[in-house]
Amino acid sequence: MKDPFTLLLVHGDGSRVLRVCLPRWIVYGTLGSVAAVATATIGLSGGYVLLERESGQMAALRQRADDERVLDSFQTRIAAVRSEIKTWKALHTKMWKAFGLAASSDPTPRPQAPNLALRESSTSLRRASPTKGRGCGSWSA
């Protein structure tokens, strides 16, 4: 049989010295149990860290699912708006045909005949506009 472990306790002021002799099996059992508790603590804390990470991932996945639901609702709304735009374009085409104007690639078709009348009226308005050089409120003819 091997010699027991001897533990020597000395107080800081040096007043008293305590000597304890412990059998080896008690020392090894204590060290083994401390190691087991430390390993269990580390394992549980590692599990806790793993659970925290997974819960963070779960929150991110929930947020992503909510975002996808919002995008799906936007896509249905966009489809409804596009169909309404097509309806309006068809209605505008019918209106332009009713006025006898052909639909072109230009979004604002300009009739040819009224431009001449518009030019003549703008030049006559220009001739009858007030001028600055002839006094306050005078008109030129």
C-alpha atoms as a PDB file:
ATOM      1  CA  MET A   1       0.000   0.000   0.000  1.00  0.00           C
ATOM      2  CA  LYS A   2       1.209   3.467  -0.878  1.00  0.00           C
ATOM      3  CA  ASP A   3       1.731   6.257   1.614  1.00  0.00           C
ATOM      4  CA  PRO A   4      -1.230   8.588   2.276  1.00  0.00           C
ATOM      5  CA  PHE A   5      -1.256  12.158   1.033  1.00  0.00           C
ATOM      6  CA  THR A   6      -0.220  14.681   3.618  1.00  0.00           C
ATOM      7  CA  LEU A   7      -1.812  18.109   3.567  1.00  0.00           C
ATOM      8  CA  LEU A   8      -0.103  20.884   5.461  1.00  0.00           C
ATOM      9  CA  LEU A   9      -2.135  24.022   6.258  1.00  0.00           C
ATOM     10  CA  VAL A  10      -0.217  27.102   7.382  1.00  0.00           C
ATOM     11  CA  HIS A  11      -1.981  30.263   8.538  1.00  0.00           C
ATOM     12  CA  GLY A  12      -0.850  33.581   7.058  1.00  0.00           C
ATOM     13  CA  ASP A  13       0.394  34.976  10.334  1.00  0.00           C
ATOM     14  CA  GLY A  14       2.383  31.789  11.038  1.00  0.00           C
ATOM     15  CA  SER A  15       0.673  31.177  14.349  1.00  0.00           C
ATOM     16  CA  ARG A  16      -0.593  27.699  13.669  1.00  0.00           C
ATOM     17  CA  VAL A  17       0.314  24.774  11.405  1.00  0.00           C
ATOM     18  CA  LEU A  18      -2.209  22.023  10.696  1.00  0.00           C
ATOM     19  CA  ARG A  19      -1.216  18.656   9.255  1.00  0.00           C
ATOM     20  CA  VAL A  20      -3.809  16.308   7.708  1.00  0.00           C
ATOM     21  CA  CYS A  21      -3.075  12.827   6.369  1.00  0.00           C
ATOM     22  CA  LEU A  22      -5.574  11.571   3.772  1.00  0.00           C
ATOM     23  CA  PRO A  23      -5.719   8.139   2.196  1.00  0.00           C
ATOM     24  CA  ARG A  24      -5.093   8.114  -1.554  1.00  0.00           C
ATOM     25  CA  TRP A  25      -8.546   6.769  -2.454  1.00  0.00           C
ATOM     26  CA  ILE A  26     -10.210   9.801  -0.807  1.00  0.00           C
ATOM     27  CA  VAL A  27      -7.974  12.222  -2.727  1.00  0.00           C
ATOM     28  CA  TYR A  28      -8.525  10.411  -6.025  1.00  0.00           C
ATOM     29  CA  GLY A  29     -12.267  10.152  -5.406  1.00  0.00           C
ATOM     30  CA  THR A  30     -12.485  13.862  -4.614  1.00  0.00           C
ATOM     31  CA  LEU A  31     -10.465  14.834  -7.691  1.00  0.00           C
ATOM     32  CA  GLY A  32     -12.560  12.501  -9.854  1.00  0.00           C
ATOM     33  CA  SER A  33     -15.834  13.918  -8.555  1.00  0.00           C
ATOM     34  CA  VAL A  34     -14.596  17.502  -9.049  1.00  0.00           C
ATOM     35  CA  ALA A  35     -13.586  16.602 -12.605  1.00  0.00           C
ATOM     36  CA  ALA A  36     -16.984  14.982 -13.215  1.00  0.00           C
ATOM     37  CA  VAL A  37     -18.841  18.024 -11.891  1.00  0.00           C
ATOM     38  CA  ALA A  38     -16.657  20.347 -13.984  1.00  0.00           C
ATOM     39  CA  THR A  39     -17.252  18.253 -17.097  1.00  0.00           C
ATOM     40  CA  ALA A  40     -21.006  18.192 -16.467  1.00  0.00           C
ATOM     41  CA  THR A  41     -21.038  21.942 -15.901  1.00  0.00           C
ATOM     42  CA  ILE A  42     -19.120  22.585 -19.092  1.00  0.00           C
ATOM     43  CA  GLY A  43     -21.361  20.166 -20.990  1.00  0.00           C
ATOM     44  CA  LEU A  44     -24.511  21.815 -19.688  1.00  0.00           C
ATOM     45  CA  SER A  45     -23.230  25.300 -20.378  1.00  0.00           C
ATOM     46  CA  GLY A  46     -22.220  24.193 -23.866  1.00  0.00           C
ATOM     47  CA  GLY A  47     -25.734  22.842 -24.326  1.00  0.00           C
ATOM     48  CA  TYR A  48     -27.094  26.139 -23.079  1.00  0.00           C
ATOM     49  CA  VAL A  49     -24.939  28.047 -25.566  1.00  0.00           C
ATOM     50  CA  LEU A  50     -26.115  25.698 -28.307  1.00  0.00           C
ATOM     51  CA  LEU A  51     -29.757  26.264 -27.304  1.00  0.00           C
ATOM     52  CA  GLU A  52     -29.227  30.040 -27.283  1.00  0.00           C
ATOM     53  CA  ARG A  53     -27.706  29.918 -30.760  1.00  0.00           C
ATOM     54  CA  GLU A  54     -30.558  27.751 -32.046  1.00  0.00           C
ATOM     55  CA  SER A  55     -33.160  30.061 -30.529  1.00  0.00           C
ATOM     56  CA  GLY A  56     -31.470  32.975 -32.296  1.00  0.00           C
ATOM     57  CA  GLN A  57     -31.638  31.041 -35.548  1.00  0.00           C
ATOM     58  CA  MET A  58     -35.279  30.240 -34.876  1.00  0.00           C
ATOM     59  CA  ALA A  59     -36.080  33.918 -34.406  1.00  0.00           C
ATOM     60  CA  ALA A  60     -34.308  34.717 -37.674  1.00  0.00           C
ATOM     61  CA  LEU A  61     -36.289  32.001 -39.466  1.00  0.00           C
ATOM     62  CA  ARG A  62     -39.551  33.338 -38.043  1.00  0.00           C
ATOM     63  CA  GLN A  63     -38.662  36.823 -39.233  1.00  0.00           C
ATOM     64  CA  ARG A  64     -37.830  35.470 -42.686  1.00  0.00           C
ATOM     65  CA  ALA A  65     -41.150  33.602 -42.852  1.00  0.00           C
ATOM     66  CA  ASP A  66     -43.003  36.794 -41.882  1.00  0.00           C
ATOM     67  CA  ASP A  67     -41.134  38.710 -44.583  1.00  0.00           C
ATOM     68  CA  GLU A  68     -42.038  36.082 -47.168  1.00  0.00           C
ATOM     69  CA  ARG A  69     -45.711  36.323 -46.165  1.00  0.00           C
ATOM     70  CA  VAL A  70     -45.559  40.081 -46.638  1.00  0.00           C
ATOM     71  CA  LEU A  71     -43.890  39.631 -50.035  1.00  0.00           C
ATOM     72  CA  ASP A  72     -46.573  37.157 -51.077  1.00  0.00           C
ATOM     73  CA  SER A  73     -49.300  39.640 -50.171  1.00  0.00           C
ATOM     74  CA  PHE A  74     -47.467  42.344 -52.129  1.00  0.00           C
ATOM     75  CA  GLN A  75     -47.219  40.064 -55.143  1.00  0.00           C
ATOM     76  CA  THR A  76     -50.976  39.496 -55.125  1.00  0.00           C
ATOM     77  CA  ARG A  77     -51.541  43.244 -54.823  1.00  0.00           C
ATOM     78  CA  ILE A  78     -49.092  43.926 -57.650  1.00  0.00           C
ATOM     79  CA  ALA A  79     -50.889  41.404 -59.863  1.00  0.00           C
ATOM     80  CA  ALA A  80     -54.201  43.162 -59.160  1.00  0.00           C
ATOM     81  CA  VAL A  81     -52.703  46.575 -59.965  1.00  0.00           C
ATOM     82  CA  ARG A  82     -51.152  45.279 -63.196  1.00  0.00           C
ATOM     83  CA  SER A  83     -54.463  43.863 -64.347  1.00  0.00           C
ATOM     84  CA  GLU A  84     -56.127  47.187 -63.560  1.00  0.00           C
ATOM     85  CA  ILE A  85     -53.453  49.022 -65.557  1.00  0.00           C
ATOM     86  CA  LYS A  86     -54.076  46.715 -68.522  1.00  0.00           C
ATOM     87  CA  THR A  87     -57.793  47.460 -68.257  1.00  0.00           C
ATOM     88  CA  TRP A  88     -57.132  51.210 -68.252  1.00  0.00           C
ATOM     89  CA  LYS A  89     -54.796  50.943 -71.240  1.00  0.00           C
ATOM     90  CA  ALA A  90     -57.441  49.044 -73.185  1.00  0.00           C
ATOM     91  CA  LEU A  91     -60.014  51.688 -72.234  1.00  0.00           C
ATOM     92  CA  HIS A  92     -57.681  54.508 -73.343  1.00  0.00           C
ATOM     93  CA  THR A  93     -57.080  52.755 -76.655  1.00  0.00           C
ATOM     94  CA  LYS A  94     -60.837  52.520 -77.206  1.00  0.00           C
ATOM     95  CA  MET A  95     -61.225  56.210 -76.331  1.00  0.00           C
ATOM     96  CA  TRP A  96     -58.515  57.277 -78.804  1.00  0.00           C
ATOM     97  CA  LYS A  97     -60.088  55.142 -81.512  1.00  0.00           C
ATOM     98  CA  ALA A  98     -63.466  56.760 -80.773  1.00  0.00           C
ATOM     99  CA  PHE A  99     -61.905  60.195 -81.383  1.00  0.00           C
ATOM    100  CA  GLY A 100     -60.417  58.943 -84.632  1.00  0.00           C
ATOM    101  CA  LEU A 101     -56.813  59.076 -83.488  1.00  0.00           C
ATOM    102  CA  ALA A 102     -54.544  56.085 -83.854  1.00  0.00           C
ATOM    103  CA  ALA A 103     -52.744  54.856 -80.763  1.00  0.00           C
ATOM    104  CA  SER A 104     -48.992  55.268 -81.076  1.00  0.00           C
ATOM    105  CA  SER A 105     -45.988  54.370 -78.997  1.00  0.00           C
ATOM    106  CA  ASP A 106     -46.032  57.929 -77.602  1.00  0.00           C
ATOM    107  CA  PRO A 107     -47.997  57.870 -74.325  1.00  0.00           C
ATOM    108  CA  THR A 108     -49.534  61.291 -75.058  1.00  0.00           C
ATOM    109  CA  PRO A 109     -50.732  61.310 -78.668  1.00  0.00           C
ATOM    110  CA  ARG A 110     -50.945  64.783 -80.152  1.00  0.00           C
ATOM    111  CA  PRO A 111     -53.628  65.517 -82.751  1.00  0.00           C
ATOM    112  CA  GLN A 112     -52.332  67.143 -85.925  1.00  0.00           C
ATOM    113  CA  ALA A 113     -55.074  69.598 -86.876  1.00  0.00           C
ATOM    114  CA  PRO A 114     -55.619  71.480 -83.587  1.00  0.00           C
ATOM    115  CA  ASN A 115     -51.924  72.443 -83.370  1.00  0.00           C
ATOM    116  CA  LEU A 116     -52.331  74.985 -86.171  1.00  0.00           C
ATOM    117  CA  ALA A 117     -55.234  76.654 -84.388  1.00  0.00           C
ATOM    118  CA  LEU A 118     -53.283  76.622 -81.153  1.00  0.00           C
ATOM    119  CA  ARG A 119     -50.310  78.339 -82.807  1.00  0.00           C
ATOM    120  CA  GLU A 120     -52.498  81.028 -84.340  1.00  0.00           C
ATOM    121  CA  SER A 121     -54.240  81.740 -81.025  1.00  0.00           C
ATOM    122  CA  SER A 122     -50.918  81.949 -79.154  1.00  0.00           C
ATOM    123  CA  THR A 123     -49.488  84.437 -81.663  1.00  0.00           C
ATOM    124  CA  SER A 124     -52.623  86.588 -81.461  1.00  0.00           C
ATOM    125  CA  LEU A 125     -52.355  86.499 -77.670  1.00  0.00           C
ATOM    126  CA  ARG A 126     -48.725  87.525 -77.937  1.00  0.00           C
ATOM    127  CA  ARG A 127     -49.670  90.484 -80.084  1.00  0.00           C
ATOM    128  CA  ALA A 128     -52.308  91.604 -77.586  1.00  0.00           C
ATOM    129  CA  SER A 129     -50.176  91.200 -74.466  1.00  0.00           C
ATOM    130  CA  PRO A 130     -49.177  94.180 -72.291  1.00  0.00           C
ATOM    131  CA  THR A 131     -45.707  95.615 -72.827  1.00  0.00           C
ATOM    132  CA  LYS A 132     -43.411  97.192 -70.294  1.00  0.00           C
ATOM    133  CA  GLY A 133     -42.016  99.967 -72.370  1.00  0.00           C
ATOM    134  CA  ARG A 134     -45.203 102.030 -73.009  1.00  0.00           C
ATOM    135  CA  GLY A 135     -46.319 102.828 -69.530  1.00  0.00           C
ATOM    136  CA  CYS A 136     -48.404 101.087 -66.962  1.00  0.00           C
ATOM    137  CA  GLY A 137     -51.246  99.014 -68.349  1.00  0.00           C
ATOM    138  CA  SER A 138     -50.850  99.955 -72.012  1.00  0.00           C
ATOM    139  CA  TRP A 139     -51.567  97.380 -74.679  1.00  0.00           C
ATOM    140  CA  SER A 140     -49.898  96.922 -78.018  1.00  0.00           C
ATOM    141  CA  ALA A 141     -51.909  96.138 -81.106  1.00  0.00           C
END
